[in-house]
Amino acid sequence: MTVDPLVWLLTLGVAAAVLVVDVAVVGRRPHVPSTAECLRYLAFYVGLAVAFGIGVWVAWGGQYAGEFFAGWLTEYSLSVDNLFVFILIMSRFAVPRQYQQFALLVGIILALVFRGIFIAAGAAVISAFSWVFYLFGAFLVYTAWRVAREGDSDEDDYSPPLVLRLVQRWFPSTQEYHGERLTVVENGRRVMTPMLVVLVALGATDLLFAFDSIPAIFGLTSEPYLVLMTNVFALMGLRQLFFLVGGLLRRLVYLNYGLAVLLGFIGVKLVLEALHRNELPFINGGEPVEGAPEIPIWLSLVAIVVILGVTTVLSLLRTRRDARRATPSTEPSQG
């Protein structure tokens, strides 16, 4: 896949312009967005992603378009899991609703920065050492096992990252929010506000999720342009999604299991890809393993859609059943 430098510049320029507009709007008027506003933004961002995928299809063919859509869906599902942790952080630190937009936007920008760094590093390593696919695959399988062990999501499961605990221990802070300010002067000394603590928590969470998301996307496409754009589009609209379906996310009780299956599937795909590119001397004498199965991108796309769809349906059925059991019966007793 050959991407002209001008296309890189135009694409990144448009993404940056969208982000700048978003920042300007949030910075000028912190508020709780309405449902209609959230739906408009989400429709716009999803439309952009679909239009981009169609553009990839026209310019480079269906193979790369399939890689983009598979990667976008995967990264979006991982971003939703990231968003769920954002909700727990906002709840734990009691962030006022009118300032949650600012915190979310900073969290999304940090996620984009961290993922950009990991994408550049991952692409460089893969181009030099094809055997890194074995490491990525094993890491994703381990991550799938770890995520599956977490089971149903619960607010009580959240524990502050180590970096946040260190910041809170070493630096003085105040318990009161002062708008979007990160530090204030109290009793003659400068102290952190809870907003700065929240941003540290979001940044640490973004860093941890980047370790999972980047190997996952490289399991679906090795094109740096597509890897970057799937992450950009997966992060667009998360702020609006936070306010729109915050309650719905808590109903996705099987989300961890679905993500575990998804990550495990991509991990196995990476290992199979590594066998096709094999250069390790202790595996088949350093030659590619010709008999290793190959998972085409269309099958990956179908598997991703089915996994996410089944996870959502089963989660909603489970929460509906639990709600029905929790509702006391109003039928008169027979006697």
Protein backbone atom coordinates (compact mmCIF):
# COMPACT_ATOMS: atom_id res chain seq x y z
CA MET A 1 0.00 0.00 0.00
CA THR A 2 1.67 3.20 -1.21
CA VAL A 3 0.40 6.39 0.40
CA ASP A 4 1.51 9.70 -1.07
CA PRO A 5 3.01 12.12 1.51
CA LEU A 6 0.38 14.67 0.47
CA VAL A 7 -2.37 12.21 1.44
CA TRP A 8 -0.71 11.76 4.84
CA LEU A 9 -0.61 15.52 5.34
CA LEU A 10 -4.20 16.08 4.21
CA THR A 11 -5.57 13.27 6.35
CA LEU A 12 -3.70 14.32 9.47
CA GLY A 13 -4.57 17.96 8.77
CA VAL A 14 -8.31 17.20 8.66
CA ALA A 15 -8.10 15.09 11.83
CA ALA A 16 -6.16 17.87 13.58
CA ALA A 17 -8.69 20.48 12.42
CA VAL A 18 -11.57 18.44 13.84
CA LEU A 19 -9.70 18.11 17.12
CA VAL A 20 -8.87 21.83 17.28
CA VAL A 21 -12.53 22.75 16.71
CA ASP A 22 -13.55 20.33 19.44
CA VAL A 23 -11.00 21.82 21.83
CA ALA A 24 -12.12 25.37 21.04
CA VAL A 25 -15.77 24.52 21.65
CA VAL A 26 -15.07 22.76 24.93
CA GLY A 27 -12.66 25.42 26.17
CA ARG A 28 -15.11 28.22 25.44
CA ARG A 29 -18.24 26.68 26.95
CA PRO A 30 -17.87 23.78 29.42
CA HIS A 31 -21.27 22.09 29.62
CA VAL A 32 -23.15 18.81 29.73
CA PRO A 33 -24.04 18.00 26.10
CA SER A 34 -27.64 17.17 25.27
CA THR A 35 -28.68 13.86 23.73
CA ALA A 36 -29.33 15.56 20.38
CA GLU A 37 -25.87 17.15 20.40
CA CYS A 38 -24.21 13.81 21.21
CA LEU A 39 -26.11 12.03 18.44
CA ARG A 40 -25.14 14.69 15.89
CA TYR A 41 -21.44 14.44 16.73
CA LEU A 42 -21.48 10.63 16.79
CA ALA A 43 -23.24 10.45 13.43
CA PHE A 44 -20.67 12.87 12.02
CA TYR A 45 -17.66 10.90 13.33
CA VAL A 46 -19.04 7.50 12.29
CA GLY A 47 -19.87 8.98 8.88
CA LEU A 48 -16.29 10.21 8.55
CA ALA A 49 -14.94 6.74 9.35
CA VAL A 50 -17.25 5.04 6.85
CA ALA A 51 -16.41 7.62 4.17
CA PHE A 52 -12.70 7.10 4.84
CA GLY A 53 -13.12 3.32 4.50
CA ILE A 54 -14.95 3.77 1.19
CA GLY A 55 -12.14 6.08 0.06
CA VAL A 56 -9.60 3.39 0.92
CA TRP A 57 -11.65 0.89 -1.08
CA VAL A 58 -11.67 3.16 -4.15
CA ALA A 59 -8.01 4.10 -3.93
CA TRP A 60 -6.36 0.86 -2.79
CA GLY A 61 -8.94 -1.93 -3.09
CA GLY A 62 -11.23 -4.05 -0.94
CA GLN A 63 -8.40 -5.85 0.91
CA TYR A 64 -7.15 -2.66 2.56
CA ALA A 65 -10.67 -1.36 3.11
CA GLY A 66 -11.50 -4.60 4.94
CA GLU A 67 -8.37 -4.19 7.06
CA PHE A 68 -9.42 -0.66 7.96
CA PHE A 69 -12.98 -1.60 8.96
CA ALA A 70 -11.79 -4.65 10.94
CA GLY A 71 -9.19 -2.52 12.70
CA TRP A 72 -11.63 0.32 13.34
CA LEU A 73 -14.22 -1.98 14.92
CA THR A 74 -11.57 -3.66 17.07
CA GLU A 75 -10.02 -0.39 18.23
CA TYR A 76 -13.47 1.10 18.85
CA SER A 77 -14.44 -1.83 21.05
CA LEU A 78 -11.20 -1.47 23.02
CA SER A 79 -11.82 2.27 23.27
CA VAL A 80 -15.28 1.58 24.71
CA ASP A 81 -13.62 -0.57 27.37
CA ASN A 82 -11.25 2.33 27.98
CA LEU A 83 -14.26 4.62 28.22
CA PHE A 84 -15.80 2.39 30.88
CA VAL A 85 -12.68 2.91 33.02
CA PHE A 86 -13.01 6.66 32.35
CA ILE A 87 -16.52 6.46 33.81
CA LEU A 88 -15.21 4.73 36.92
CA ILE A 89 -12.50 7.40 37.34
CA MET A 90 -15.03 10.24 36.95
CA SER A 91 -17.27 8.58 39.52
CA ARG A 92 -14.46 7.82 41.96
CA PHE A 93 -13.20 11.43 41.94
CA ALA A 94 -16.70 12.98 41.75
CA VAL A 95 -15.88 15.18 38.76
CA PRO A 96 -18.65 17.80 38.31
CA ARG A 97 -20.66 17.08 35.17
CA GLN A 98 -19.92 20.44 33.57
CA TYR A 99 -16.16 19.76 33.73
CA GLN A 100 -16.24 16.14 32.57
CA GLN A 101 -16.07 17.21 28.92
CA PHE A 102 -12.71 18.89 29.51
CA ALA A 103 -11.29 15.90 31.37
CA LEU A 104 -12.52 13.48 28.70
CA LEU A 105 -11.07 15.54 25.88
CA VAL A 106 -7.66 15.68 27.55
CA GLY A 107 -7.88 11.92 28.16
CA ILE A 108 -8.65 11.28 24.49
CA ILE A 109 -5.78 13.53 23.34
CA LEU A 110 -3.40 11.68 25.65
CA ALA A 111 -4.66 8.35 24.29
CA LEU A 112 -3.99 9.52 20.74
CA VAL A 113 -0.47 10.70 21.64
CA PHE A 114 0.45 7.45 23.41
CA ARG A 115 -0.96 5.32 20.61
CA GLY A 116 0.90 7.39 18.01
CA ILE A 117 4.17 6.73 19.84
CA PHE A 118 3.45 3.02 20.09
CA ILE A 119 2.41 2.84 16.43
CA ALA A 120 5.68 4.41 15.29
CA ALA A 121 7.71 2.14 17.55
CA GLY A 122 5.71 -0.96 16.58
CA ALA A 123 6.02 -0.31 12.84
CA ALA A 124 9.79 0.19 13.15
CA VAL A 125 10.24 -3.01 15.15
CA ILE A 126 8.06 -5.09 12.82
CA SER A 127 9.90 -3.88 9.72
CA ALA A 128 13.22 -4.90 11.28
CA PHE A 129 12.18 -8.05 13.16
CA SER A 130 9.29 -10.07 11.77
CA TRP A 131 9.51 -12.49 14.72
CA VAL A 132 7.98 -9.77 16.92
CA PHE A 133 4.61 -11.10 15.70
CA TYR A 134 5.20 -14.08 17.99
CA LEU A 135 5.61 -11.71 20.94
CA PHE A 136 2.55 -9.66 19.97
CA GLY A 137 0.47 -12.80 19.55
CA ALA A 138 1.55 -14.28 22.87
CA PHE A 139 0.94 -10.95 24.61
CA LEU A 140 -2.60 -10.71 23.21
CA VAL A 141 -3.43 -14.29 24.24
CA TYR A 142 -2.15 -13.51 27.75
CA THR A 143 -4.16 -10.26 27.76
CA ALA A 144 -7.26 -12.17 26.66
CA TRP A 145 -6.82 -14.58 29.59
CA ARG A 146 -6.30 -11.68 31.99
CA VAL A 147 -9.36 -9.79 30.72
CA ALA A 148 -11.53 -12.91 30.89
CA ARG A 149 -10.50 -13.43 34.53
CA GLU A 150 -11.79 -9.95 35.37
CA GLY A 151 -15.31 -11.16 34.58
CA ASP A 152 -18.23 -8.78 34.97
CA SER A 153 -17.25 -5.12 35.19
CA ASP A 154 -17.82 -3.50 38.57
CA GLU A 155 -17.03 -0.06 39.92
CA ASP A 156 -15.44 -1.67 42.98
CA ASP A 157 -12.84 -3.32 40.71
CA TYR A 158 -11.11 -0.03 39.89
CA SER A 159 -7.78 0.51 41.61
CA PRO A 160 -5.71 3.68 41.02
CA PRO A 161 -2.59 3.14 38.83
CA LEU A 162 0.78 3.21 40.55
CA VAL A 163 1.76 6.54 38.99
CA LEU A 164 -1.40 8.14 40.41
CA ARG A 165 -0.73 6.79 43.90
CA LEU A 166 2.80 8.19 43.73
CA VAL A 167 1.58 11.61 42.59
CA GLN A 168 -0.97 11.76 45.39
CA ARG A 169 1.66 10.71 47.94
CA TRP A 170 4.41 13.13 46.88
CA PHE A 171 2.51 16.28 45.95
CA PRO A 172 0.09 18.31 48.12
CA SER A 173 -3.44 18.60 46.79
CA THR A 174 -6.77 20.20 47.61
CA GLN A 175 -10.10 18.39 47.85
CA GLU A 176 -12.11 21.08 46.04
CA TYR A 177 -12.46 21.60 42.29
CA HIS A 178 -11.56 25.04 40.95
CA GLY A 179 -13.15 24.85 37.52
CA GLU A 180 -10.69 23.43 34.97
CA ARG A 181 -7.63 24.75 36.82
CA LEU A 182 -4.97 22.16 37.56
CA THR A 183 -3.22 23.95 40.42
CA VAL A 184 -4.13 26.73 42.87
CA VAL A 185 -2.39 28.62 45.68
CA GLU A 186 -3.64 27.84 49.18
CA ASN A 187 -2.06 29.19 52.37
CA GLY A 188 0.90 30.52 50.43
CA ARG A 189 1.79 27.30 48.59
CA ARG A 190 0.77 25.84 45.26
CA VAL A 191 -1.26 22.63 45.43
CA MET A 192 -2.85 20.29 42.90
CA THR A 193 -6.57 20.35 42.27
CA PRO A 194 -8.58 17.13 41.89
CA MET A 195 -8.75 17.91 38.15
CA LEU A 196 -4.98 17.38 37.79
CA VAL A 197 -5.27 14.12 39.73
CA VAL A 198 -8.05 12.98 37.39
CA LEU A 199 -5.97 13.83 34.31
CA VAL A 200 -3.04 11.83 35.70
CA ALA A 201 -5.39 8.88 36.25
CA LEU A 202 -6.75 9.15 32.70
CA GLY A 203 -3.24 9.41 31.24
CA ALA A 204 -2.01 6.36 33.16
CA THR A 205 -5.06 4.43 31.98
CA ASP A 206 -4.43 5.49 28.37
CA LEU A 207 -0.86 4.25 28.59
CA LEU A 208 -1.98 0.84 29.84
CA PHE A 209 -4.63 0.49 27.13
CA ALA A 210 -2.10 1.43 24.43
CA PHE A 211 -0.17 -1.73 25.29
CA ASP A 212 -3.25 -3.79 24.38
CA SER A 213 -4.60 -1.86 21.40
CA ILE A 214 -1.45 -1.52 19.30
CA PRO A 215 -0.58 -5.25 19.09
CA ALA A 216 -4.26 -5.91 18.33
CA ILE A 217 -4.36 -3.58 15.34
CA PHE A 218 -1.05 -4.89 13.97
CA GLY A 219 -2.70 -8.30 13.98
CA LEU A 220 -5.20 -7.02 11.41
CA THR A 221 -3.07 -4.73 9.26
CA SER A 222 0.62 -3.90 9.04
CA GLU A 223 0.06 -0.68 7.09
CA PRO A 224 1.13 2.25 9.33
CA TYR A 225 -1.32 4.60 7.60
CA LEU A 226 -4.28 2.33 8.34
CA VAL A 227 -3.04 1.58 11.86
CA LEU A 228 -2.92 5.29 12.66
CA MET A 229 -6.27 6.13 11.09
CA THR A 230 -8.12 3.27 12.79
CA ASN A 231 -6.95 4.67 16.13
CA VAL A 232 -7.84 8.25 15.20
CA PHE A 233 -11.38 7.31 14.16
CA ALA A 234 -11.80 4.96 17.14
CA LEU A 235 -11.12 7.85 19.53
CA MET A 236 -13.38 10.34 17.75
CA GLY A 237 -16.77 10.67 19.40
CA LEU A 238 -15.84 8.92 22.66
CA ARG A 239 -16.53 12.12 24.57
CA GLN A 240 -20.09 12.27 23.25
CA LEU A 241 -20.49 8.52 23.72
CA PHE A 242 -19.58 8.97 27.40
CA PHE A 243 -22.59 11.22 28.00
CA LEU A 244 -24.92 9.38 25.63
CA VAL A 245 -24.55 5.78 26.77
CA GLY A 246 -22.80 5.99 30.14
CA GLY A 247 -25.63 3.98 31.66
CA LEU A 248 -25.71 1.54 28.74
CA LEU A 249 -22.03 0.72 29.18
CA ARG A 250 -22.79 -0.56 32.67
CA ARG A 251 -25.30 -2.94 31.08
CA LEU A 252 -22.61 -4.56 28.91
CA VAL A 253 -21.83 -7.06 31.66
CA TYR A 254 -20.16 -9.50 29.25
CA LEU A 255 -17.93 -6.86 27.66
CA ASN A 256 -14.78 -8.29 29.23
CA TYR A 257 -15.57 -11.77 27.95
CA GLY A 258 -16.24 -10.46 24.45
CA LEU A 259 -12.99 -8.50 24.41
CA ALA A 260 -11.15 -11.56 25.71
CA VAL A 261 -12.44 -13.67 22.81
CA LEU A 262 -11.63 -10.86 20.37
CA LEU A 263 -8.08 -10.37 21.64
CA GLY A 264 -7.51 -14.13 21.75
CA PHE A 265 -8.67 -14.48 18.15
CA ILE A 266 -6.33 -11.72 16.97
CA GLY A 267 -3.48 -13.16 19.06
CA VAL A 268 -3.85 -16.53 17.32
CA LYS A 269 -4.02 -14.74 13.97
CA LEU A 270 -0.74 -12.97 14.79
CA VAL A 271 0.99 -16.24 15.65
CA LEU A 272 -0.21 -17.79 12.39
CA GLU A 273 1.04 -14.71 10.53
CA ALA A 274 4.39 -15.09 12.28
CA LEU A 275 4.61 -18.70 11.10
CA HIS A 276 4.15 -17.53 7.50
CA ARG A 277 6.97 -14.98 7.96
CA ASN A 278 9.07 -17.21 10.21
CA GLU A 279 12.77 -16.38 10.52
CA LEU A 280 13.50 -18.08 13.84
CA PRO A 281 16.05 -20.88 13.31
CA PHE A 282 14.52 -23.19 15.94
CA ILE A 283 11.13 -23.17 14.12
CA ASN A 284 11.13 -25.11 10.84
CA GLY A 285 14.82 -24.34 10.39
CA GLY A 286 14.17 -20.62 10.00
CA GLU A 287 11.93 -21.15 6.96
CA PRO A 288 8.25 -20.06 6.64
CA VAL A 289 5.79 -22.75 7.70
CA GLU A 290 3.83 -23.44 4.52
CA GLY A 291 1.12 -25.57 6.12
CA ALA A 292 0.11 -22.97 8.70
CA PRO A 293 -3.55 -21.89 8.32
CA GLU A 294 -4.19 -18.40 7.04
CA ILE A 295 -7.09 -16.25 8.25
CA PRO A 296 -8.24 -13.88 5.47
CA ILE A 297 -9.28 -10.36 6.36
CA TRP A 298 -12.93 -10.97 5.41
CA LEU A 299 -13.11 -13.79 7.95
CA SER A 300 -11.51 -11.55 10.57
CA LEU A 301 -14.09 -8.85 9.87
CA VAL A 302 -16.97 -11.33 10.14
CA ALA A 303 -15.55 -12.78 13.36
CA ILE A 304 -15.17 -9.31 14.91
CA VAL A 305 -18.75 -8.32 14.05
CA VAL A 306 -20.15 -11.63 15.37
CA ILE A 307 -18.14 -11.47 18.61
CA LEU A 308 -19.17 -7.89 19.36
CA GLY A 309 -22.78 -8.53 18.33
CA VAL A 310 -23.17 -11.66 20.46
CA THR A 311 -21.50 -9.91 23.42
CA THR A 312 -23.94 -7.00 23.21
CA VAL A 313 -27.06 -9.16 22.80
CA LEU A 314 -26.14 -11.54 25.64
CA SER A 315 -25.28 -8.60 27.91
CA LEU A 316 -28.62 -6.89 27.30
CA LEU A 317 -30.52 -10.16 27.82
CA ARG A 318 -28.66 -10.72 31.10
CA THR A 319 -29.38 -7.21 32.43
CA ARG A 320 -33.04 -7.47 31.39
CA ARG A 321 -33.35 -10.81 33.18
CA ASP A 322 -31.65 -9.44 36.32
CA ALA A 323 -33.93 -6.38 36.29
CA ARG A 324 -37.00 -8.61 35.99
CA ARG A 325 -35.87 -10.72 38.95
CA ALA A 326 -35.15 -7.61 41.03
CA THR A 327 -38.64 -6.18 40.42
CA PRO A 328 -41.09 -7.41 43.08
CA SER A 329 -44.14 -9.22 41.79
CA THR A 330 -47.36 -7.19 41.86
CA GLU A 331 -49.67 -10.16 41.28
CA PRO A 332 -52.11 -10.85 44.17
CA SER A 333 -51.35 -14.02 46.07
CA GLN A 334 -53.70 -16.96 45.66
CA GLY A 335 -55.19 -18.33 48.83
